[in-house]
Amino acid sequence: MLIGDLVRKKRVCFHDSFPNWEEAVKASYRPLLDDGTIEPCYIDQVIASIEELGPYIVLAPDIAMPHTTMGAKGVKCSAISFMKVEQPVHFTQDNPENDARLFFSLAAQNPEEHLENMKYLAEELMTEGLTEDLLSCRTEEDLLKLEVKYGQ
C-alpha cells in the first residue's frame, strides 16, 4: 500500500488549516522539498498551472492531486507525498466540490512516470472506505494502521 511507503520515507504531513490554497500546495510538497526530491521552482510551476487552469487537481470532493502540466523542471526523481488537512482547503469560493483535505502531491521526471503515478494512486483511492479512513487519520501511526487494515 502506497501510504505506508510514504510514512516510511517521511513523505507525509498533517496540518490544521491554511489561509489559502497556495499555502496548502506549498506545504503539501514540503516533504519532497526537504528530502531533495524537488526544487522550489517545481512548486512554483504547480501553483502557476492551477492559477492558469483552475482547480484541475481536485479529483473528487476532499481529494487533491497537485501536479503540473508544464513539465518537470526541478524534479530530481519521481515521487509522491501525502498531506492531510483538518479544515478544507478552498480552491474556489463558490463550489465546495473543489474543496480538499487529502493531498497527494506528485512530482515526475517525465510524462510516462507521471501517468503511471496518477493511475496507481487513482486505483488505490478507489478502495472502498479508504478515503473516509484517510480523512480520520491524525498521525503517521493512524496511517500505518490503514496499511494493516487494507493490506499490501
N, C-alpha and C. Protein backbone atom coordinates (compact mmCIF):
# COMPACT_ATOMS: atom_id res chain seq x y z
N MET A 1 0.84 -1.18 0.00
CA MET A 1 0.00 0.00 0.00
C MET A 1 0.89 1.25 0.00
N LEU A 2 0.57 2.16 -0.85
CA LEU A 2 1.35 3.38 -1.03
C LEU A 2 1.52 4.18 0.26
N ILE A 3 0.47 4.32 1.04
CA ILE A 3 0.52 5.22 2.19
C ILE A 3 1.57 4.79 3.21
N GLY A 4 1.73 3.50 3.42
CA GLY A 4 2.76 3.00 4.33
C GLY A 4 4.16 3.34 3.83
N ASP A 5 4.37 3.20 2.54
CA ASP A 5 5.67 3.56 1.95
C ASP A 5 5.96 5.04 2.17
N LEU A 6 4.94 5.88 2.02
CA LEU A 6 5.14 7.32 2.20
C LEU A 6 5.49 7.65 3.64
N VAL A 7 4.88 6.95 4.60
CA VAL A 7 5.22 7.15 6.01
C VAL A 7 6.68 6.78 6.24
N ARG A 8 7.10 5.62 5.76
CA ARG A 8 8.47 5.16 5.97
C ARG A 8 9.49 6.07 5.30
N LYS A 9 9.12 6.70 4.21
CA LYS A 9 10.02 7.61 3.50
C LYS A 9 9.93 9.04 4.03
N LYS A 10 9.13 9.24 5.08
CA LYS A 10 8.93 10.58 5.68
C LYS A 10 8.36 11.57 4.67
N ARG A 11 7.40 11.11 3.88
CA ARG A 11 6.76 11.94 2.87
C ARG A 11 5.29 12.19 3.20
N VAL A 12 5.00 12.36 4.48
CA VAL A 12 3.65 12.69 4.92
C VAL A 12 3.69 13.87 5.88
N CYS A 13 2.61 14.62 5.93
CA CYS A 13 2.49 15.71 6.90
C CYS A 13 1.02 15.95 7.20
N PHE A 14 0.79 16.57 8.36
CA PHE A 14 -0.56 16.86 8.84
C PHE A 14 -0.62 18.33 9.24
N HIS A 15 -1.72 18.98 8.90
CA HIS A 15 -1.91 20.39 9.24
C HIS A 15 -3.36 20.62 9.62
N ASP A 16 -3.60 21.69 10.37
CA ASP A 16 -4.96 22.04 10.75
C ASP A 16 -5.65 22.81 9.63
N SER A 17 -5.03 23.90 9.16
CA SER A 17 -5.67 24.71 8.12
C SER A 17 -4.63 25.59 7.44
N PHE A 18 -5.07 26.25 6.37
CA PHE A 18 -4.23 27.17 5.61
C PHE A 18 -5.06 28.39 5.24
N PRO A 19 -4.41 29.55 5.12
CA PRO A 19 -5.15 30.77 4.76
C PRO A 19 -5.62 30.76 3.30
N ASN A 20 -4.95 29.97 2.45
CA ASN A 20 -5.32 29.90 1.03
C ASN A 20 -4.77 28.63 0.41
N TRP A 21 -5.24 28.34 -0.80
CA TRP A 21 -4.82 27.09 -1.44
C TRP A 21 -3.35 27.10 -1.82
N GLU A 22 -2.79 28.27 -2.12
CA GLU A 22 -1.37 28.33 -2.50
C GLU A 22 -0.48 27.84 -1.35
N GLU A 23 -0.79 28.29 -0.14
CA GLU A 23 -0.01 27.86 1.03
C GLU A 23 -0.19 26.36 1.26
N ALA A 24 -1.38 25.85 1.02
CA ALA A 24 -1.62 24.41 1.18
C ALA A 24 -0.79 23.61 0.17
N VAL A 25 -0.76 24.06 -1.07
CA VAL A 25 0.01 23.35 -2.09
C VAL A 25 1.50 23.37 -1.72
N LYS A 26 1.99 24.52 -1.29
CA LYS A 26 3.40 24.60 -0.87
C LYS A 26 3.69 23.61 0.25
N ALA A 27 2.83 23.58 1.26
CA ALA A 27 3.03 22.68 2.39
C ALA A 27 2.96 21.21 1.97
N SER A 28 2.10 20.91 1.00
CA SER A 28 1.95 19.51 0.57
C SER A 28 3.22 18.98 -0.08
N TYR A 29 4.03 19.87 -0.62
CA TYR A 29 5.29 19.47 -1.25
C TYR A 29 6.48 19.56 -0.30
N ARG A 30 6.28 20.06 0.92
CA ARG A 30 7.39 20.24 1.86
C ARG A 30 8.20 18.96 2.07
N PRO A 31 7.57 17.78 2.25
CA PRO A 31 8.39 16.57 2.44
C PRO A 31 9.31 16.29 1.25
N LEU A 32 8.84 16.54 0.04
CA LEU A 32 9.67 16.29 -1.15
C LEU A 32 10.76 17.35 -1.29
N LEU A 33 10.47 18.54 -0.87
CA LEU A 33 11.47 19.60 -0.87
C LEU A 33 12.54 19.30 0.19
N ASP A 34 12.10 18.88 1.38
CA ASP A 34 13.02 18.60 2.47
C ASP A 34 13.97 17.44 2.16
N ASP A 35 13.48 16.43 1.42
CA ASP A 35 14.37 15.29 1.15
C ASP A 35 15.15 15.44 -0.17
N GLY A 36 15.01 16.60 -0.81
CA GLY A 36 15.79 16.87 -2.01
C GLY A 36 15.22 16.31 -3.30
N THR A 37 14.02 15.77 -3.24
CA THR A 37 13.39 15.21 -4.44
C THR A 37 13.05 16.29 -5.45
N ILE A 38 12.62 17.45 -4.96
CA ILE A 38 12.25 18.55 -5.84
C ILE A 38 12.96 19.84 -5.40
N GLU A 39 12.97 20.80 -6.31
CA GLU A 39 13.47 22.14 -6.02
C GLU A 39 12.27 23.08 -5.93
N PRO A 40 12.43 24.23 -5.29
CA PRO A 40 11.30 25.17 -5.13
C PRO A 40 10.65 25.57 -6.45
N CYS A 41 11.41 25.61 -7.54
CA CYS A 41 10.83 26.03 -8.82
C CYS A 41 9.72 25.09 -9.28
N TYR A 42 9.78 23.82 -8.87
CA TYR A 42 8.71 22.89 -9.25
C TYR A 42 7.39 23.29 -8.59
N ILE A 43 7.44 23.66 -7.32
CA ILE A 43 6.23 24.08 -6.61
C ILE A 43 5.65 25.33 -7.29
N ASP A 44 6.53 26.24 -7.69
CA ASP A 44 6.07 27.44 -8.41
C ASP A 44 5.35 27.08 -9.70
N GLN A 45 5.84 26.06 -10.40
CA GLN A 45 5.18 25.61 -11.63
C GLN A 45 3.80 25.03 -11.36
N VAL A 46 3.68 24.28 -10.27
CA VAL A 46 2.38 23.69 -9.90
C VAL A 46 1.38 24.81 -9.61
N ILE A 47 1.79 25.78 -8.82
CA ILE A 47 0.90 26.89 -8.48
C ILE A 47 0.51 27.68 -9.73
N ALA A 48 1.47 27.91 -10.62
CA ALA A 48 1.18 28.64 -11.87
C ALA A 48 0.18 27.86 -12.73
N SER A 49 0.30 26.54 -12.77
CA SER A 49 -0.64 25.71 -13.54
C SER A 49 -2.06 25.83 -12.99
N ILE A 50 -2.19 25.79 -11.66
CA ILE A 50 -3.51 25.88 -11.04
C ILE A 50 -4.10 27.27 -11.28
N GLU A 51 -3.26 28.30 -11.17
CA GLU A 51 -3.74 29.66 -11.44
C GLU A 51 -4.24 29.79 -12.87
N GLU A 52 -3.55 29.16 -13.79
CA GLU A 52 -3.92 29.26 -15.21
C GLU A 52 -5.13 28.40 -15.56
N LEU A 53 -5.16 27.17 -15.04
CA LEU A 53 -6.17 26.20 -15.49
C LEU A 53 -7.32 25.99 -14.51
N GLY A 54 -7.22 26.56 -13.32
CA GLY A 54 -8.26 26.33 -12.33
C GLY A 54 -7.96 25.09 -11.51
N PRO A 55 -8.91 24.63 -10.70
CA PRO A 55 -8.67 23.55 -9.75
C PRO A 55 -8.73 22.15 -10.36
N TYR A 56 -8.01 21.96 -11.46
CA TYR A 56 -7.98 20.64 -12.12
C TYR A 56 -7.39 19.57 -11.23
N ILE A 57 -6.68 19.97 -10.19
CA ILE A 57 -6.04 19.00 -9.31
C ILE A 57 -7.01 18.36 -8.33
N VAL A 58 -8.22 18.92 -8.18
CA VAL A 58 -9.21 18.33 -7.28
C VAL A 58 -9.94 17.24 -8.05
N LEU A 59 -9.63 16.00 -7.69
CA LEU A 59 -10.17 14.85 -8.44
C LEU A 59 -11.57 14.46 -8.00
N ALA A 60 -11.83 14.70 -6.73
CA ALA A 60 -13.13 14.36 -6.14
C ALA A 60 -13.24 15.20 -4.87
N PRO A 61 -14.43 15.34 -4.33
CA PRO A 61 -14.52 16.09 -3.07
C PRO A 61 -13.53 15.54 -2.04
N ASP A 62 -12.78 16.43 -1.43
CA ASP A 62 -11.78 16.13 -0.41
C ASP A 62 -10.46 15.59 -0.92
N ILE A 63 -10.31 15.35 -2.22
CA ILE A 63 -9.07 14.76 -2.74
C ILE A 63 -8.44 15.66 -3.80
N ALA A 64 -7.21 16.08 -3.51
CA ALA A 64 -6.45 16.87 -4.49
C ALA A 64 -5.17 16.12 -4.85
N MET A 65 -4.78 16.24 -6.09
CA MET A 65 -3.55 15.63 -6.57
C MET A 65 -2.72 16.73 -7.25
N PRO A 66 -2.05 17.58 -6.46
CA PRO A 66 -1.25 18.63 -7.08
C PRO A 66 -0.18 18.07 -8.00
N HIS A 67 -0.06 18.68 -9.14
CA HIS A 67 0.95 18.35 -10.14
C HIS A 67 0.93 19.45 -11.18
N THR A 68 1.89 19.46 -12.04
CA THR A 68 1.92 20.47 -13.08
C THR A 68 1.79 19.83 -14.45
N THR A 69 1.29 20.60 -15.37
CA THR A 69 1.20 20.15 -16.75
C THR A 69 2.33 20.77 -17.57
N MET A 70 3.20 21.53 -16.91
CA MET A 70 4.23 22.30 -17.62
C MET A 70 5.56 21.59 -17.79
N GLY A 71 5.70 20.39 -17.32
CA GLY A 71 6.99 19.72 -17.43
C GLY A 71 7.53 19.39 -16.06
N ALA A 72 8.81 19.07 -16.01
CA ALA A 72 9.38 18.56 -14.77
C ALA A 72 10.63 19.33 -14.35
N LYS A 73 10.70 20.60 -14.59
CA LYS A 73 11.85 21.37 -14.13
C LYS A 73 11.88 21.36 -12.61
N GLY A 74 13.03 21.01 -12.08
CA GLY A 74 13.17 20.98 -10.63
C GLY A 74 12.81 19.66 -9.98
N VAL A 75 12.56 18.62 -10.78
CA VAL A 75 12.25 17.29 -10.23
C VAL A 75 13.47 16.40 -10.43
N LYS A 76 14.03 15.92 -9.32
CA LYS A 76 15.22 15.08 -9.40
C LYS A 76 14.88 13.60 -9.54
N CYS A 77 13.73 13.20 -9.00
CA CYS A 77 13.23 11.84 -9.20
C CYS A 77 11.72 11.85 -8.94
N SER A 78 11.04 10.91 -9.52
CA SER A 78 9.59 10.85 -9.39
C SER A 78 9.21 10.40 -7.98
N ALA A 79 8.20 11.06 -7.42
CA ALA A 79 7.79 10.75 -6.05
C ALA A 79 6.39 11.29 -5.78
N ILE A 80 5.82 10.84 -4.66
CA ILE A 80 4.51 11.30 -4.19
C ILE A 80 4.65 11.62 -2.71
N SER A 81 3.98 12.68 -2.27
CA SER A 81 3.87 12.95 -0.84
C SER A 81 2.38 13.05 -0.48
N PHE A 82 2.09 12.87 0.80
CA PHE A 82 0.71 12.90 1.28
C PHE A 82 0.57 13.95 2.37
N MET A 83 -0.49 14.73 2.31
CA MET A 83 -0.79 15.69 3.36
C MET A 83 -2.28 15.60 3.70
N LYS A 84 -2.58 15.62 5.01
CA LYS A 84 -3.96 15.65 5.50
C LYS A 84 -4.17 16.98 6.20
N VAL A 85 -5.24 17.68 5.84
CA VAL A 85 -5.59 18.97 6.44
C VAL A 85 -6.94 18.80 7.13
N GLU A 86 -7.05 19.28 8.37
CA GLU A 86 -8.30 19.15 9.12
C GLU A 86 -9.42 20.02 8.52
N GLN A 87 -9.11 21.28 8.22
CA GLN A 87 -10.11 22.19 7.65
C GLN A 87 -9.98 22.17 6.13
N PRO A 88 -11.07 22.07 5.40
CA PRO A 88 -10.98 22.01 3.94
C PRO A 88 -10.26 23.22 3.34
N VAL A 89 -9.48 22.93 2.32
CA VAL A 89 -8.81 23.98 1.54
C VAL A 89 -9.74 24.31 0.37
N HIS A 90 -10.05 25.58 0.22
CA HIS A 90 -10.98 26.02 -0.83
C HIS A 90 -10.19 26.45 -2.07
N PHE A 91 -10.44 25.76 -3.18
CA PHE A 91 -9.80 26.15 -4.44
C PHE A 91 -10.66 27.12 -5.22
N THR A 92 -11.96 27.13 -4.92
CA THR A 92 -12.88 28.13 -5.46
C THR A 92 -13.82 28.53 -4.33
N GLN A 93 -14.32 29.73 -4.38
CA GLN A 93 -15.19 30.22 -3.31
C GLN A 93 -16.63 29.73 -3.46
N ASP A 94 -17.04 29.42 -4.66
CA ASP A 94 -18.45 29.15 -4.92
C ASP A 94 -18.80 27.67 -5.11
N ASN A 95 -17.82 26.78 -4.99
CA ASN A 95 -18.11 25.38 -5.25
C ASN A 95 -17.40 24.47 -4.24
N PRO A 96 -18.12 23.97 -3.24
CA PRO A 96 -17.49 23.10 -2.25
C PRO A 96 -16.97 21.78 -2.83
N GLU A 97 -17.40 21.45 -4.05
CA GLU A 97 -16.86 20.26 -4.71
C GLU A 97 -15.36 20.42 -4.97
N ASN A 98 -14.88 21.67 -4.96
CA ASN A 98 -13.46 21.95 -5.20
C ASN A 98 -12.68 22.15 -3.90
N ASP A 99 -13.22 21.67 -2.78
CA ASP A 99 -12.51 21.71 -1.51
C ASP A 99 -11.74 20.40 -1.35
N ALA A 100 -10.60 20.49 -0.66
CA ALA A 100 -9.79 19.28 -0.45
C ALA A 100 -9.19 19.26 0.94
N ARG A 101 -9.08 18.05 1.47
CA ARG A 101 -8.41 17.83 2.76
C ARG A 101 -7.32 16.78 2.65
N LEU A 102 -7.37 15.98 1.60
CA LEU A 102 -6.33 14.97 1.35
C LEU A 102 -5.55 15.40 0.11
N PHE A 103 -4.25 15.55 0.25
CA PHE A 103 -3.40 15.98 -0.85
C PHE A 103 -2.38 14.88 -1.17
N PHE A 104 -2.39 14.43 -2.39
CA PHE A 104 -1.37 13.51 -2.89
C PHE A 104 -0.59 14.29 -3.93
N SER A 105 0.56 14.81 -3.53
CA SER A 105 1.32 15.72 -4.38
C SER A 105 2.34 14.94 -5.20
N LEU A 106 2.25 15.11 -6.51
CA LEU A 106 3.07 14.35 -7.44
C LEU A 106 4.23 15.16 -7.98
N ALA A 107 5.33 14.47 -8.17
CA ALA A 107 6.48 15.03 -8.89
C ALA A 107 6.98 13.93 -9.81
N ALA A 108 7.09 14.21 -11.09
CA ALA A 108 7.54 13.20 -12.04
C ALA A 108 8.54 13.81 -13.01
N GLN A 109 9.50 12.99 -13.44
CA GLN A 109 10.53 13.47 -14.34
C GLN A 109 10.08 13.46 -15.79
N ASN A 110 9.07 12.65 -16.11
CA ASN A 110 8.60 12.59 -17.49
C ASN A 110 7.12 12.22 -17.52
N PRO A 111 6.46 12.45 -18.65
CA PRO A 111 5.01 12.19 -18.72
C PRO A 111 4.62 10.75 -18.44
N GLU A 112 5.47 9.80 -18.83
CA GLU A 112 5.14 8.39 -18.60
C GLU A 112 5.08 8.08 -17.10
N GLU A 113 6.09 8.53 -16.36
CA GLU A 113 6.09 8.30 -14.92
C GLU A 113 4.93 9.03 -14.25
N HIS A 114 4.63 10.21 -14.75
CA HIS A 114 3.53 11.00 -14.20
C HIS A 114 2.21 10.24 -14.35
N LEU A 115 1.95 9.73 -15.54
CA LEU A 115 0.71 8.97 -15.78
C LEU A 115 0.67 7.70 -14.96
N GLU A 116 1.81 7.04 -14.81
CA GLU A 116 1.87 5.81 -14.02
C GLU A 116 1.55 6.11 -12.56
N ASN A 117 2.10 7.19 -12.01
CA ASN A 117 1.81 7.59 -10.62
C ASN A 117 0.33 7.90 -10.45
N MET A 118 -0.24 8.65 -11.39
CA MET A 118 -1.66 9.02 -11.31
C MET A 118 -2.55 7.78 -11.37
N LYS A 119 -2.22 6.86 -12.26
CA LYS A 119 -3.01 5.64 -12.41
C LYS A 119 -2.96 4.80 -11.13
N TYR A 120 -1.78 4.61 -10.60
CA TYR A 120 -1.62 3.82 -9.38
C TYR A 120 -2.39 4.44 -8.22
N LEU A 121 -2.25 5.74 -8.07
CA LEU A 121 -2.92 6.45 -7.00
C LEU A 121 -4.44 6.38 -7.15
N ALA A 122 -4.93 6.59 -8.36
CA ALA A 122 -6.38 6.52 -8.61
C ALA A 122 -6.93 5.14 -8.27
N GLU A 123 -6.20 4.10 -8.66
CA GLU A 123 -6.64 2.73 -8.37
C GLU A 123 -6.70 2.50 -6.85
N GLU A 124 -5.69 2.98 -6.15
CA GLU A 124 -5.67 2.78 -4.70
C GLU A 124 -6.81 3.55 -4.02
N LEU A 125 -7.09 4.75 -4.50
CA LEU A 125 -8.14 5.57 -3.89
C LEU A 125 -9.54 5.02 -4.18
N MET A 126 -9.67 4.12 -5.13
CA MET A 126 -10.96 3.51 -5.40
C MET A 126 -11.30 2.40 -4.40
N THR A 127 -10.35 2.06 -3.53
CA THR A 127 -10.59 1.06 -2.50
C THR A 127 -11.70 1.55 -1.58
N GLU A 128 -12.74 0.77 -1.48
CA GLU A 128 -13.90 1.19 -0.68
C GLU A 128 -13.52 1.47 0.76
N GLY A 129 -13.91 2.63 1.25
CA GLY A 129 -13.69 3.03 2.63
C GLY A 129 -12.36 3.72 2.89
N LEU A 130 -11.42 3.65 1.95
CA LEU A 130 -10.09 4.21 2.19
C LEU A 130 -10.12 5.72 2.36
N THR A 131 -10.85 6.43 1.52
CA THR A 131 -10.90 7.89 1.63
C THR A 131 -11.43 8.31 2.99
N GLU A 132 -12.50 7.70 3.43
CA GLU A 132 -13.08 8.03 4.73
C GLU A 132 -12.08 7.75 5.85
N ASP A 133 -11.37 6.63 5.75
CA ASP A 133 -10.38 6.30 6.77
C ASP A 133 -9.21 7.29 6.74
N LEU A 134 -8.77 7.68 5.57
CA LEU A 134 -7.69 8.68 5.48
C LEU A 134 -8.12 10.00 6.10
N LEU A 135 -9.37 10.37 5.89
CA LEU A 135 -9.88 11.63 6.46
C LEU A 135 -9.89 11.60 7.98
N SER A 136 -9.96 10.43 8.57
CA SER A 136 -9.99 10.33 10.04
C SER A 136 -8.58 10.24 10.64
N CYS A 137 -7.57 10.07 9.82
CA CYS A 137 -6.20 9.96 10.34
C CYS A 137 -5.68 11.30 10.84
N ARG A 138 -4.91 11.21 11.93
CA ARG A 138 -4.32 12.43 12.51
C ARG A 138 -2.81 12.27 12.73
N THR A 139 -2.31 11.04 12.59
CA THR A 139 -0.89 10.78 12.85
C THR A 139 -0.35 9.76 11.85
N GLU A 140 0.97 9.64 11.83
CA GLU A 140 1.60 8.62 10.99
C GLU A 140 1.19 7.23 11.45
N GLU A 141 1.03 7.04 12.75
CA GLU A 141 0.61 5.74 13.28
C GLU A 141 -0.77 5.37 12.74
N ASP A 142 -1.67 6.36 12.67
CA ASP A 142 -3.00 6.10 12.10
C ASP A 142 -2.88 5.62 10.66
N LEU A 143 -1.97 6.23 9.90
CA LEU A 143 -1.78 5.82 8.50
C LEU A 143 -1.26 4.40 8.42
N LEU A 144 -0.32 4.05 9.29
CA LEU A 144 0.23 2.69 9.27
C LEU A 144 -0.83 1.65 9.64
N LYS A 145 -1.79 2.02 10.49
CA LYS A 145 -2.89 1.10 10.82
C LYS A 145 -3.72 0.81 9.57
N LEU A 146 -3.84 1.80 8.69
CA LEU A 146 -4.59 1.58 7.44
C LEU A 146 -3.85 0.60 6.54
N GLU A 147 -2.53 0.64 6.58
CA GLU A 147 -1.77 -0.31 5.79
C GLU A 147 -2.10 -1.74 6.22
N VAL A 148 -2.22 -1.94 7.54
CA VAL A 148 -2.59 -3.26 8.05
C VAL A 148 -4.02 -3.59 7.65
N LYS A 149 -4.93 -2.62 7.81
CA LYS A 149 -6.34 -2.86 7.52
C LYS A 149 -6.58 -3.22 6.05
N TYR A 150 -5.91 -2.51 5.16
CA TYR A 150 -6.15 -2.71 3.72
C TYR A 150 -5.15 -3.65 3.06
N GLY A 151 -4.11 -4.03 3.79
CA GLY A 151 -3.14 -4.97 3.26
C GLY A 151 -2.27 -4.37 2.18
N GLN A 152 -1.31 -5.16 1.77
CA GLN A 152 -0.35 -4.70 0.73
C GLN A 152 -0.93 -4.78 -0.64
